[in-house]
């Protein structure tokens, strides 16, 4: 892991050779894409995300957020208050995923239209 532009990113030798495999290693799985979808609009608190992402467990959400934070896609802001207040949002690197999210949404709309 190296720091670049304020974000932690994997070193080149840690990444798969295939660029698609690289992207999938960062956002693969059901929940990471849905977390990114939510965070595109504004920072969210942990429990807000958990309530909105129906079916996600606390452990999976925690692990996914930590992985995305380690990969430089998500930031965690701890306000240092009591009771604790922590928000998660997208880093500039995470915002680079928006065209991918938009394309997935467009395909989902298209598929729903032809599946009727």
PDB file of N, CA and C in Angstrom:
ATOM      1  N   UNK A   1       0.850  -1.175   0.000  1.00  0.00           N
ATOM      2  CA  UNK A   1       0.000   0.000   0.000  1.00  0.00           C
ATOM      3  C   UNK A   1       0.895   1.236   0.000  1.00  0.00           C
ATOM      4  N   UNK A   2       0.555   2.202  -0.809  1.00  0.00           N
ATOM      5  CA  UNK A   2       1.284   3.461  -0.829  1.00  0.00           C
ATOM      6  C   UNK A   2       0.296   4.605  -0.762  1.00  0.00           C
ATOM      7  N   UNK A   3       0.754   5.751  -0.293  1.00  0.00           N
ATOM      8  CA  UNK A   3      -0.087   6.952  -0.248  1.00  0.00           C
ATOM      9  C   UNK A   3       0.117   7.722  -1.541  1.00  0.00           C
ATOM     10  N   UNK A   4      -0.993   8.146  -2.151  1.00  0.00           N
ATOM     11  CA  UNK A   4      -0.909   8.948  -3.369  1.00  0.00           C
ATOM     12  C   UNK A   4      -2.071   9.927  -3.352  1.00  0.00           C
ATOM     13  N   UNK A   5      -1.768  11.204  -3.357  1.00  0.00           N
ATOM     14  CA  UNK A   5      -2.826  12.215  -3.382  1.00  0.00           C
ATOM     15  C   UNK A   5      -3.728  12.147  -2.168  1.00  0.00           C
ATOM     16  N   UNK A   6      -3.200  11.774  -1.006  1.00  0.00           N
ATOM     17  CA  UNK A   6      -4.003  11.713   0.203  1.00  0.00           C
ATOM     18  C   UNK A   6      -4.763  10.405   0.372  1.00  0.00           C
ATOM     19  N   UNK A   7      -4.687   9.511  -0.629  1.00  0.00           N
ATOM     20  CA  UNK A   7      -5.385   8.234  -0.554  1.00  0.00           C
ATOM     21  C   UNK A   7      -4.379   7.100  -0.553  1.00  0.00           C
ATOM     22  N   UNK A   8      -4.751   6.022   0.106  1.00  0.00           N
ATOM     23  CA  UNK A   8      -3.926   4.821   0.056  1.00  0.00           C
ATOM     24  C   UNK A   8      -4.347   4.020  -1.160  1.00  0.00           C
ATOM     25  N   UNK A   9      -3.383   3.602  -1.939  1.00  0.00           N
ATOM     26  CA  UNK A   9      -3.678   2.765  -3.099  1.00  0.00           C
ATOM     27  C   UNK A   9      -2.709   1.599  -3.102  1.00  0.00           C
ATOM     28  N   UNK A  10      -3.130   0.498  -3.728  1.00  0.00           N
ATOM     29  CA  UNK A  10      -2.254  -0.659  -3.806  1.00  0.00           C
ATOM     30  C   UNK A  10      -1.057  -0.341  -4.700  1.00  0.00           C
ATOM     31  N   UNK A  11       0.078  -0.900  -4.359  1.00  0.00           N
ATOM     32  CA  UNK A  11       1.252  -0.762  -5.203  1.00  0.00           C
ATOM     33  C   UNK A  11       1.028  -1.533  -6.496  1.00  0.00           C
ATOM     34  N   UNK A  12       1.647  -1.076  -7.566  1.00  0.00           N
ATOM     35  CA  UNK A  12       1.446  -1.662  -8.887  1.00  0.00           C
ATOM     36  C   UNK A  12       1.675  -3.170  -8.887  1.00  0.00           C
ATOM     37  N   UNK A  13       2.682  -3.632  -8.158  1.00  0.00           N
ATOM     38  CA  UNK A  13       2.984  -5.077  -8.145  1.00  0.00           C
ATOM     39  C   UNK A  13       1.923  -5.890  -7.388  1.00  0.00           C
ATOM     40  N   UNK A  14       1.088  -5.241  -6.605  1.00  0.00           N
ATOM     41  CA  UNK A  14       0.011  -5.929  -5.888  1.00  0.00           C
ATOM     42  C   UNK A  14      -1.241  -6.118  -6.746  1.00  0.00           C
ATOM     43  N   UNK A  15      -1.327  -5.397  -7.857  1.00  0.00           N
ATOM     44  CA  UNK A  15      -2.543  -5.385  -8.671  1.00  0.00           C
ATOM     45  C   UNK A  15      -2.548  -6.502  -9.700  1.00  0.00           C
ATOM     46  N   UNK A  16      -3.741  -7.015 -10.030  1.00  0.00           N
ATOM     47  CA  UNK A  16      -3.820  -7.991 -11.124  1.00  0.00           C
ATOM     48  C   UNK A  16      -3.374  -7.342 -12.431  1.00  0.00           C
ATOM     49  N   UNK A  17      -2.902  -8.150 -13.348  1.00  0.00           N
ATOM     50  CA  UNK A  17      -2.458  -7.611 -14.639  1.00  0.00           C
ATOM     51  C   UNK A  17      -3.630  -7.072 -15.457  1.00  0.00           C
ATOM     52  N   UNK A  18      -4.763  -7.740 -15.397  1.00  0.00           N
ATOM     53  CA  UNK A  18      -5.946  -7.341 -16.164  1.00  0.00           C
ATOM     54  C   UNK A  18      -6.613  -6.132 -15.507  1.00  0.00           C
ATOM     55  N   UNK A  19      -6.875  -5.051 -16.256  1.00  0.00           N
ATOM     56  CA  UNK A  19      -7.517  -3.872 -15.662  1.00  0.00           C
ATOM     57  C   UNK A  19      -8.927  -4.145 -15.148  1.00  0.00           C
ATOM     58  N   UNK A  20      -9.662  -5.042 -15.801  1.00  0.00           N
ATOM     59  CA  UNK A  20     -11.006  -5.388 -15.314  1.00  0.00           C
ATOM     60  C   UNK A  20     -10.886  -6.105 -13.975  1.00  0.00           C
ATOM     61  N   UNK A  21      -9.938  -7.008 -13.852  1.00  0.00           N
ATOM     62  CA  UNK A  21      -9.726  -7.711 -12.586  1.00  0.00           C
ATOM     63  C   UNK A  21      -9.311  -6.736 -11.487  1.00  0.00           C
ATOM     64  N   UNK A  22      -8.546  -5.716 -11.837  1.00  0.00           N
ATOM     65  CA  UNK A  22      -8.161  -4.683 -10.862  1.00  0.00           C
ATOM     66  C   UNK A  22      -9.401  -3.978 -10.331  1.00  0.00           C
ATOM     67  N   UNK A  23     -10.273  -3.529 -11.243  1.00  0.00           N
ATOM     68  CA  UNK A  23     -11.495  -2.827 -10.827  1.00  0.00           C
ATOM     69  C   UNK A  23     -12.375  -3.735  -9.979  1.00  0.00           C
ATOM     70  N   UNK A  24     -12.531  -4.989 -10.405  1.00  0.00           N
ATOM     71  CA  UNK A  24     -13.375  -5.936  -9.661  1.00  0.00           C
ATOM     72  C   UNK A  24     -12.798  -6.188  -8.267  1.00  0.00           C
ATOM     73  N   UNK A  25     -11.467  -6.219  -8.158  1.00  0.00           N
ATOM     74  CA  UNK A  25     -10.873  -6.442  -6.833  1.00  0.00           C
ATOM     75  C   UNK A  25     -11.186  -5.289  -5.885  1.00  0.00           C
ATOM     76  N   UNK A  26     -11.414  -4.090  -6.426  1.00  0.00           N
ATOM     77  CA  UNK A  26     -11.718  -2.934  -5.592  1.00  0.00           C
ATOM     78  C   UNK A  26     -13.201  -2.811  -5.255  1.00  0.00           C
ATOM     79  N   UNK A  27     -14.071  -3.161  -6.191  1.00  0.00           N
ATOM     80  CA  UNK A  27     -15.508  -2.913  -5.985  1.00  0.00           C
ATOM     81  C   UNK A  27     -16.352  -4.157  -6.160  1.00  0.00           C
ATOM     82  N   UNK A  28     -15.714  -5.317  -6.253  1.00  0.00           N
ATOM     83  CA  UNK A  28     -16.448  -6.554  -6.475  1.00  0.00           C
ATOM     84  C   UNK A  28     -17.387  -6.876  -5.335  1.00  0.00           C
ATOM     85  N   UNK A  29     -18.380  -7.639  -5.646  1.00  0.00           N
ATOM     86  CA  UNK A  29     -19.363  -8.034  -4.653  1.00  0.00           C
ATOM     87  C   UNK A  29     -20.578  -7.132  -4.683  1.00  0.00           C
ATOM     88  N   UNK A  30     -21.628  -7.621  -4.104  1.00  0.00           N
ATOM     89  CA  UNK A  30     -22.913  -6.930  -4.124  1.00  0.00           C
ATOM     90  C   UNK A  30     -22.892  -5.610  -3.357  1.00  0.00           C
ATOM     91  N   UNK A  31     -22.285  -5.582  -2.201  1.00  0.00           N
ATOM     92  CA  UNK A  31     -22.463  -4.462  -1.290  1.00  0.00           C
ATOM     93  C   UNK A  31     -21.618  -3.249  -1.610  1.00  0.00           C
ATOM     94  N   UNK A  32     -20.390  -3.432  -2.081  1.00  0.00           N
ATOM     95  CA  UNK A  32     -19.523  -2.278  -2.319  1.00  0.00           C
ATOM     96  C   UNK A  32     -20.126  -1.332  -3.352  1.00  0.00           C
ATOM     97  N   UNK A  33     -20.686  -1.868  -4.409  1.00  0.00           N
ATOM     98  CA  UNK A  33     -21.311  -1.010  -5.421  1.00  0.00           C
ATOM     99  C   UNK A  33     -22.494  -0.241  -4.848  1.00  0.00           C
ATOM    100  N   UNK A  34     -23.269  -0.897  -4.007  1.00  0.00           N
ATOM    101  CA  UNK A  34     -24.426  -0.224  -3.412  1.00  0.00           C
ATOM    102  C   UNK A  34     -23.998   0.822  -2.384  1.00  0.00           C
ATOM    103  N   UNK A  35     -22.913   0.564  -1.679  1.00  0.00           N
ATOM    104  CA  UNK A  35     -22.378   1.560  -0.749  1.00  0.00           C
ATOM    105  C   UNK A  35     -21.918   2.784  -1.537  1.00  0.00           C
ATOM    106  N   UNK A  36     -21.183   2.560  -2.619  1.00  0.00           N
ATOM    107  CA  UNK A  36     -20.717   3.666  -3.458  1.00  0.00           C
ATOM    108  C   UNK A  36     -21.904   4.431  -4.024  1.00  0.00           C
ATOM    109  N   UNK A  37     -22.937   3.707  -4.442  1.00  0.00           N
ATOM    110  CA  UNK A  37     -24.145   4.368  -4.956  1.00  0.00           C
ATOM    111  C   UNK A  37     -24.694   5.348  -3.932  1.00  0.00           C
ATOM    112  N   UNK A  38     -24.765   4.938  -2.677  1.00  0.00           N
ATOM    113  CA  UNK A  38     -25.290   5.818  -1.627  1.00  0.00           C
ATOM    114  C   UNK A  38     -24.357   6.995  -1.356  1.00  0.00           C
ATOM    115  N   UNK A  39     -23.068   6.730  -1.299  1.00  0.00           N
ATOM    116  CA  UNK A  39     -22.114   7.764  -0.923  1.00  0.00           C
ATOM    117  C   UNK A  39     -21.895   8.804  -2.021  1.00  0.00           C
ATOM    118  N   UNK A  40     -22.399   8.545  -3.208  1.00  0.00           N
ATOM    119  CA  UNK A  40     -22.197   9.501  -4.308  1.00  0.00           C
ATOM    120  C   UNK A  40     -22.909  10.819  -4.030  1.00  0.00           C
ATOM    121  N   UNK A  41     -23.998  10.783  -3.293  1.00  0.00           N
ATOM    122  CA  UNK A  41     -24.798  11.986  -3.050  1.00  0.00           C
ATOM    123  C   UNK A  41     -24.270  12.838  -1.899  1.00  0.00           C
ATOM    124  N   UNK A  42     -23.806  12.182  -0.848  1.00  0.00           N
ATOM    125  CA  UNK A  42     -23.374  12.896   0.361  1.00  0.00           C
ATOM    126  C   UNK A  42     -22.729  11.898   1.308  1.00  0.00           C
ATOM    127  N   UNK A  43     -22.010  12.383   2.329  1.00  0.00           N
ATOM    128  CA  UNK A  43     -21.507  11.462   3.356  1.00  0.00           C
ATOM    129  C   UNK A  43     -22.670  10.862   4.156  1.00  0.00           C
ATOM    130  N   UNK A  44     -22.507   9.629   4.563  1.00  0.00           N
ATOM    131  CA  UNK A  44     -23.521   8.911   5.338  1.00  0.00           C
ATOM    132  C   UNK A  44     -22.912   8.418   6.634  1.00  0.00           C
ATOM    133  N   UNK A  45     -23.741   8.368   7.669  1.00  0.00           N
ATOM    134  CA  UNK A  45     -23.342   7.745   8.922  1.00  0.00           C
ATOM    135  C   UNK A  45     -23.539   6.241   8.793  1.00  0.00           C
ATOM    136  N   UNK A  46     -22.804   5.489   9.618  1.00  0.00           N
ATOM    137  CA  UNK A  46     -22.808   4.028   9.532  1.00  0.00           C
ATOM    138  C   UNK A  46     -24.218   3.455   9.626  1.00  0.00           C
ATOM    139  N   UNK A  47     -24.967   3.852  10.644  1.00  0.00           N
ATOM    140  CA  UNK A  47     -26.300   3.273  10.841  1.00  0.00           C
ATOM    141  C   UNK A  47     -27.280   3.674   9.742  1.00  0.00           C
ATOM    142  N   UNK A  48     -27.095   4.854   9.156  1.00  0.00           N
ATOM    143  CA  UNK A  48     -27.918   5.238   8.002  1.00  0.00           C
ATOM    144  C   UNK A  48     -27.695   4.258   6.856  1.00  0.00           C
ATOM    145  N   UNK A  49     -26.424   3.965   6.591  1.00  0.00           N
ATOM    146  CA  UNK A  49     -26.105   3.020   5.515  1.00  0.00           C
ATOM    147  C   UNK A  49     -26.702   1.652   5.816  1.00  0.00           C
ATOM    148  N   UNK A  50     -26.521   1.191   7.041  1.00  0.00           N
ATOM    149  CA  UNK A  50     -27.016  -0.145   7.406  1.00  0.00           C
ATOM    150  C   UNK A  50     -28.529  -0.242   7.248  1.00  0.00           C
ATOM    151  N   UNK A  51     -29.247   0.802   7.622  1.00  0.00           N
ATOM    152  CA  UNK A  51     -30.711   0.790   7.466  1.00  0.00           C
ATOM    153  C   UNK A  51     -31.114   0.838   5.998  1.00  0.00           C
ATOM    154  N   UNK A  52     -30.387   1.605   5.199  1.00  0.00           N
ATOM    155  CA  UNK A  52     -30.752   1.777   3.793  1.00  0.00           C
ATOM    156  C   UNK A  52     -30.399   0.551   2.947  1.00  0.00           C
ATOM    157  N   UNK A  53     -29.341  -0.148   3.297  1.00  0.00           N
ATOM    158  CA  UNK A  53     -28.891  -1.307   2.531  1.00  0.00           C
ATOM    159  C   UNK A  53     -29.530  -2.559   3.127  1.00  0.00           C
ATOM    160  N   UNK A  54     -30.755  -2.786   2.760  1.00  0.00           N
ATOM    161  CA  UNK A  54     -31.539  -3.879   3.324  1.00  0.00           C
ATOM    162  C   UNK A  54     -30.839  -5.220   3.133  1.00  0.00           C
ATOM    163  N   UNK A  55     -30.609  -5.913   4.248  1.00  0.00           N
ATOM    164  CA  UNK A  55     -30.013  -7.242   4.197  1.00  0.00           C
ATOM    165  C   UNK A  55     -28.527  -7.283   4.509  1.00  0.00           C
ATOM    166  N   UNK A  56     -27.873  -6.132   4.586  1.00  0.00           N
ATOM    167  CA  UNK A  56     -26.442  -6.139   4.896  1.00  0.00           C
ATOM    168  C   UNK A  56     -26.259  -6.292   6.402  1.00  0.00           C
ATOM    169  N   UNK A  57     -25.280  -7.099   6.788  1.00  0.00           N
ATOM    170  CA  UNK A  57     -24.993  -7.256   8.214  1.00  0.00           C
ATOM    171  C   UNK A  57     -24.016  -6.165   8.660  1.00  0.00           C
ATOM    172  N   UNK A  58     -23.983  -5.942   9.951  1.00  0.00           N
ATOM    173  CA  UNK A  58     -23.070  -4.947  10.505  1.00  0.00           C
ATOM    174  C   UNK A  58     -21.630  -5.309  10.161  1.00  0.00           C
ATOM    175  N   UNK A  59     -21.293  -6.597  10.266  1.00  0.00           N
ATOM    176  CA  UNK A  59     -19.926  -7.053   9.984  1.00  0.00           C
ATOM    177  C   UNK A  59     -19.547  -6.819   8.528  1.00  0.00           C
ATOM    178  N   UNK A  60     -20.437  -7.152   7.608  1.00  0.00           N
ATOM    179  CA  UNK A  60     -20.140  -6.983   6.184  1.00  0.00           C
ATOM    180  C   UNK A  60     -19.994  -5.500   5.851  1.00  0.00           C
ATOM    181  N   UNK A  61     -20.859  -4.653   6.404  1.00  0.00           N
ATOM    182  CA  UNK A  61     -20.749  -3.219   6.151  1.00  0.00           C
ATOM    183  C   UNK A  61     -19.439  -2.678   6.709  1.00  0.00           C
ATOM    184  N   UNK A  62     -19.096  -3.061   7.923  1.00  0.00           N
ATOM    185  CA  UNK A  62     -17.833  -2.626   8.532  1.00  0.00           C
ATOM    186  C   UNK A  62     -16.649  -3.070   7.681  1.00  0.00           C
ATOM    187  N   UNK A  63     -16.627  -4.346   7.303  1.00  0.00           N
ATOM    188  CA  UNK A  63     -15.516  -4.871   6.507  1.00  0.00           C
ATOM    189  C   UNK A  63     -15.425  -4.180   5.147  1.00  0.00           C
ATOM    190  N   UNK A  64     -16.563  -3.970   4.505  1.00  0.00           N
ATOM    191  CA  UNK A  64     -16.573  -3.329   3.181  1.00  0.00           C
ATOM    192  C   UNK A  64     -16.070  -1.895   3.261  1.00  0.00           C
ATOM    193  N   UNK A  65     -16.538  -1.145   4.258  1.00  0.00           N
ATOM    194  CA  UNK A  65     -16.089   0.238   4.422  1.00  0.00           C
ATOM    195  C   UNK A  65     -14.590   0.299   4.717  1.00  0.00           C
ATOM    196  N   UNK A  66     -14.107  -0.600   5.561  1.00  0.00           N
ATOM    197  CA  UNK A  66     -12.673  -0.625   5.884  1.00  0.00           C
ATOM    198  C   UNK A  66     -11.839  -0.953   4.644  1.00  0.00           C
ATOM    199  N   UNK A  67     -12.287  -1.936   3.861  1.00  0.00           N
ATOM    200  CA  UNK A  67     -11.557  -2.294   2.639  1.00  0.00           C
ATOM    201  C   UNK A  67     -11.527  -1.129   1.665  1.00  0.00           C
ATOM    202  N   UNK A  68     -12.678  -0.482   1.482  1.00  0.00           N
ATOM    203  CA  UNK A  68     -12.726   0.646   0.547  1.00  0.00           C
ATOM    204  C   UNK A  68     -11.924   1.835   1.069  1.00  0.00           C
ATOM    205  N   UNK A  69     -11.865   2.006   2.385  1.00  0.00           N
ATOM    206  CA  UNK A  69     -11.028   3.048   2.965  1.00  0.00           C
ATOM    207  C   UNK A  69      -9.552   2.721   2.721  1.00  0.00           C
ATOM    208  N   UNK A  70      -9.168   1.472   2.956  1.00  0.00           N
ATOM    209  CA  UNK A  70      -7.790   1.042   2.706  1.00  0.00           C
ATOM    210  C   UNK A  70      -7.395   1.215   1.240  1.00  0.00           C
ATOM    211  N   UNK A  71      -8.354   1.021   0.335  1.00  0.00           N
ATOM    212  CA  UNK A  71      -8.091   1.143  -1.101  1.00  0.00           C
ATOM    213  C   UNK A  71      -8.156   2.590  -1.590  1.00  0.00           C
ATOM    214  N   UNK A  72      -8.516   3.512  -0.692  1.00  0.00           N
ATOM    215  CA  UNK A  72      -8.529   4.922  -1.053  1.00  0.00           C
ATOM    216  C   UNK A  72      -9.804   5.398  -1.724  1.00  0.00           C
ATOM    217  N   UNK A  73     -10.861   4.579  -1.707  1.00  0.00           N
ATOM    218  CA  UNK A  73     -12.119   4.951  -2.354  1.00  0.00           C
ATOM    219  C   UNK A  73     -13.050   5.714  -1.424  1.00  0.00           C
ATOM    220  N   UNK A  74     -12.942   5.467  -0.123  1.00  0.00           N
ATOM    221  CA  UNK A  74     -13.858   6.024   0.881  1.00  0.00           C
ATOM    222  C   UNK A  74     -13.040   6.678   1.983  1.00  0.00           C
ATOM    223  N   UNK A  75     -13.546   7.795   2.497  1.00  0.00           N
ATOM    224  CA  UNK A  75     -12.928   8.391   3.677  1.00  0.00           C
ATOM    225  C   UNK A  75     -13.841   8.183   4.871  1.00  0.00           C
ATOM    226  N   UNK A  76     -13.235   8.196   6.045  1.00  0.00           N
ATOM    227  CA  UNK A  76     -13.956   8.086   7.316  1.00  0.00           C
ATOM    228  C   UNK A  76     -13.645   9.340   8.113  1.00  0.00           C
ATOM    229  N   UNK A  77     -14.684  10.079   8.482  1.00  0.00           N
ATOM    230  CA  UNK A  77     -14.500  11.291   9.280  1.00  0.00           C
ATOM    231  C   UNK A  77     -15.079  11.051  10.672  1.00  0.00           C
ATOM    232  N   UNK A  78     -14.192  11.024  11.661  1.00  0.00           N
ATOM    233  CA  UNK A  78     -14.596  10.859  13.060  1.00  0.00           C
ATOM    234  C   UNK A  78     -14.602  12.245  13.690  1.00  0.00           C
ATOM    235  N   UNK A  79     -15.773  12.680  14.149  1.00  0.00           N
ATOM    236  CA  UNK A  79     -15.915  14.008  14.726  1.00  0.00           C
ATOM    237  C   UNK A  79     -15.375  14.106  16.145  1.00  0.00           C
ATOM    238  N   UNK A  80     -14.995  12.983  16.744  1.00  0.00           N
ATOM    239  CA  UNK A  80     -14.427  12.997  18.084  1.00  0.00           C
ATOM    240  C   UNK A  80     -15.396  13.437  19.152  1.00  0.00           C
ATOM    241  N   UNK A  81     -16.673  13.164  18.936  1.00  0.00           N
ATOM    242  CA  UNK A  81     -17.708  13.570  19.887  1.00  0.00           C
ATOM    243  C   UNK A  81     -18.161  12.372  20.706  1.00  0.00           C
ATOM    244  N   UNK A  82     -18.864  12.682  21.789  1.00  0.00           N
ATOM    245  CA  UNK A  82     -19.474  11.627  22.582  1.00  0.00           C
ATOM    246  C   UNK A  82     -20.951  11.954  22.722  1.00  0.00           C
ATOM    247  N   UNK A  83     -21.884  11.146  22.252  1.00  0.00           N
ATOM    248  CA  UNK A  83     -21.658   9.841  21.629  1.00  0.00           C
ATOM    249  C   UNK A  83     -20.939   9.988  20.286  1.00  0.00           C
ATOM    250  N   UNK A  84     -20.256   8.918  19.879  1.00  0.00           N
ATOM    251  CA  UNK A  84     -19.461   8.975  18.654  1.00  0.00           C
ATOM    252  C   UNK A  84     -20.300   9.341  17.432  1.00  0.00           C
ATOM    253  N   UNK A  85     -19.707  10.193  16.589  1.00  0.00           N
ATOM    254  CA  UNK A  85     -20.328  10.542  15.314  1.00  0.00           C
ATOM    255  C   UNK A  85     -19.269  10.367  14.234  1.00  0.00           C
ATOM    256  N   UNK A  86     -19.528   9.442  13.314  1.00  0.00           N
ATOM    257  CA  UNK A  86     -18.601   9.123  12.238  1.00  0.00           C
ATOM    258  C   UNK A  86     -19.377   9.137  10.936  1.00  0.00           C
ATOM    259  N   UNK A  87     -18.791   9.740   9.898  1.00  0.00           N
ATOM    260  CA  UNK A  87     -19.403   9.751   8.572  1.00  0.00           C
ATOM    261  C   UNK A  87     -18.426   9.156   7.564  1.00  0.00           C
ATOM    262  N   UNK A  88     -19.015   8.548   6.542  1.00  0.00           N
ATOM    263  CA  UNK A  88     -18.246   7.988   5.436  1.00  0.00           C
ATOM    264  C   UNK A  88     -18.650   8.689   4.155  1.00  0.00           C
ATOM    265  N   UNK A  89     -17.671   8.945   3.303  1.00  0.00           N
ATOM    266  CA  UNK A  89     -17.930   9.577   2.017  1.00  0.00           C
ATOM    267  C   UNK A  89     -16.937   9.096   0.987  1.00  0.00           C
ATOM    268  N   UNK A  90     -17.128   9.528  -0.241  1.00  0.00           N
ATOM    269  CA  UNK A  90     -16.232   9.138  -1.320  1.00  0.00           C
ATOM    270  C   UNK A  90     -15.051  10.092  -1.413  1.00  0.00           C
ATOM    271  N   UNK A  91     -13.892   9.530  -1.620  1.00  0.00           N
ATOM    272  CA  UNK A  91     -12.711  10.324  -1.916  1.00  0.00           C
ATOM    273  C   UNK A  91     -12.777  10.731  -3.389  1.00  0.00           C
ATOM    274  N   UNK A  92     -11.833  11.539  -3.805  1.00  0.00           N
ATOM    275  CA  UNK A  92     -11.764  11.905  -5.225  1.00  0.00           C
ATOM    276  C   UNK A  92     -11.553  10.652  -6.081  1.00  0.00           C
ATOM    277  N   UNK A  93     -10.736   9.733  -5.600  1.00  0.00           N
ATOM    278  CA  UNK A  93     -10.544   8.472  -6.311  1.00  0.00           C
ATOM    279  C   UNK A  93     -11.852   7.699  -6.401  1.00  0.00           C
ATOM    280  N   UNK A  94     -12.607   7.650  -5.315  1.00  0.00           N
ATOM    281  CA  UNK A  94     -13.908   6.980  -5.312  1.00  0.00           C
ATOM    282  C   UNK A  94     -14.879   7.616  -6.287  1.00  0.00           C
ATOM    283  N   UNK A  95     -14.803   8.925  -6.437  1.00  0.00           N
ATOM    284  CA  UNK A  95     -15.685   9.636  -7.385  1.00  0.00           C
ATOM    285  C   UNK A  95     -15.382   9.262  -8.831  1.00  0.00           C
ATOM    286  N   UNK A  96     -14.200   8.757  -9.081  1.00  0.00           N
ATOM    287  CA  UNK A  96     -13.860   8.305 -10.430  1.00  0.00           C
ATOM    288  C   UNK A  96     -14.690   7.087 -10.839  1.00  0.00           C
ATOM    289  N   UNK A  97     -15.362   6.470  -9.874  1.00  0.00           N
ATOM    290  CA  UNK A  97     -16.235   5.319 -10.149  1.00  0.00           C
ATOM    291  C   UNK A  97     -17.606   5.733 -10.680  1.00  0.00           C
ATOM    292  N   UNK A  98     -17.951   7.001 -10.614  1.00  0.00           N
ATOM    293  CA  UNK A  98     -19.300   7.440 -10.986  1.00  0.00           C
ATOM    294  C   UNK A  98     -19.699   7.084 -12.419  1.00  0.00           C
ATOM    295  N   UNK A  99     -18.835   7.203 -13.417  1.00  0.00           N
ATOM    296  CA  UNK A  99     -19.251   6.761 -14.756  1.00  0.00           C
ATOM    297  C   UNK A  99     -19.581   5.267 -14.810  1.00  0.00           C
ATOM    298  N   UNK A 100     -18.882   4.472 -14.021  1.00  0.00           N
ATOM    299  CA  UNK A 100     -19.162   3.037 -13.973  1.00  0.00           C
ATOM    300  C   UNK A 100     -20.528   2.802 -13.333  1.00  0.00           C
ATOM    301  N   UNK A 101     -20.801   3.487 -12.232  1.00  0.00           N
ATOM    302  CA  UNK A 101     -22.099   3.363 -11.551  1.00  0.00           C
ATOM    303  C   UNK A 101     -23.214   3.821 -12.477  1.00  0.00           C
ATOM    304  N   UNK A 102     -22.997   4.933 -13.169  1.00  0.00           N
ATOM    305  CA  UNK A 102     -24.005   5.444 -14.113  1.00  0.00           C
ATOM    306  C   UNK A 102     -24.266   4.441 -15.229  1.00  0.00           C
ATOM    307  N   UNK A 103     -23.217   3.823 -15.754  1.00  0.00           N
ATOM    308  CA  UNK A 103     -23.391   2.822 -16.817  1.00  0.00           C
ATOM    309  C   UNK A 103     -24.147   1.603 -16.312  1.00  0.00           C
ATOM    310  N   UNK A 104     -23.854   1.164 -15.098  1.00  0.00           N
ATOM    311  CA  UNK A 104     -24.588   0.035 -14.521  1.00  0.00           C
ATOM    312  C   UNK A 104     -26.062   0.388 -14.344  1.00  0.00           C
ATOM    313  N   UNK A 105     -26.337   1.606 -13.887  1.00  0.00           N
ATOM    314  CA  UNK A 105     -27.730   2.046 -13.721  1.00  0.00           C
ATOM    315  C   UNK A 105     -28.435   2.094 -15.069  1.00  0.00           C
ATOM    316  N   UNK A 106     -27.768   2.624 -16.090  1.00  0.00           N
ATOM    317  CA  UNK A 106     -28.361   2.673 -17.442  1.00  0.00           C
ATOM    318  C   UNK A 106     -28.674   1.277 -17.953  1.00  0.00           C
ATOM    319  N   UNK A 107     -27.748   0.344 -17.733  1.00  0.00           N
ATOM    320  CA  UNK A 107     -27.995  -1.026 -18.170  1.00  0.00           C
ATOM    321  C   UNK A 107     -29.161  -1.644 -17.403  1.00  0.00           C
ATOM    322  N   UNK A 108     -29.236  -1.365 -16.100  1.00  0.00           N
ATOM    323  CA  UNK A 108     -30.348  -1.880 -15.294  1.00  0.00           C
ATOM    324  C   UNK A 108     -31.693  -1.374 -15.793  1.00  0.00           C
ATOM    325  N   UNK A 109     -31.762  -0.093 -16.135  1.00  0.00           N
ATOM    326  CA  UNK A 109     -33.005   0.488 -16.689  1.00  0.00           C
ATOM    327  C   UNK A 109     -33.329  -0.188 -18.017  1.00  0.00           C
ATOM    328  N   UNK A 110     -32.337  -0.343 -18.883  1.00  0.00           N
ATOM    329  CA  UNK A 110     -32.534  -0.981 -20.184  1.00  0.00           C
ATOM    330  C   UNK A 110     -33.048  -2.414 -20.005  1.00  0.00           C
ATOM    331  N   UNK A 111     -32.388  -3.160 -19.128  1.00  0.00           N
ATOM    332  CA  UNK A 111     -32.757  -4.563 -18.923  1.00  0.00           C
ATOM    333  C   UNK A 111     -34.186  -4.684 -18.393  1.00  0.00           C
ATOM    334  N   UNK A 112     -34.535  -3.821 -17.451  1.00  0.00           N
ATOM    335  CA  UNK A 112     -35.909  -3.850 -16.921  1.00  0.00           C
ATOM    336  C   UNK A 112     -36.915  -3.569 -18.017  1.00  0.00           C
ATOM    337  N   UNK A 113     -36.581  -2.676 -18.941  1.00  0.00           N
ATOM    338  CA  UNK A 113     -37.506  -2.316 -20.035  1.00  0.00           C
ATOM    339  C   UNK A 113     -37.711  -3.494 -20.985  1.00  0.00           C
ATOM    340  N   UNK A 114     -36.677  -4.257 -21.289  1.00  0.00           N
ATOM    341  CA  UNK A 114     -36.826  -5.360 -22.242  1.00  0.00           C
ATOM    342  C   UNK A 114     -37.334  -6.631 -21.564  1.00  0.00           C
ATOM    343  N   UNK A 115     -37.225  -6.695 -20.228  1.00  0.00           N
ATOM    344  CA  UNK A 115     -37.647  -7.898 -19.508  1.00  0.00           C
ATOM    345  C   UNK A 115     -39.150  -7.933 -19.290  1.00  0.00           C
ATOM    346  N   UNK A 116     -39.835  -6.841 -19.515  1.00  0.00           N
ATOM    347  CA  UNK A 116     -41.271  -6.780 -19.233  1.00  0.00           C
ATOM    348  C   UNK A 116     -42.070  -7.655 -20.159  1.00  0.00           C
TER     349      UNK A 116
END
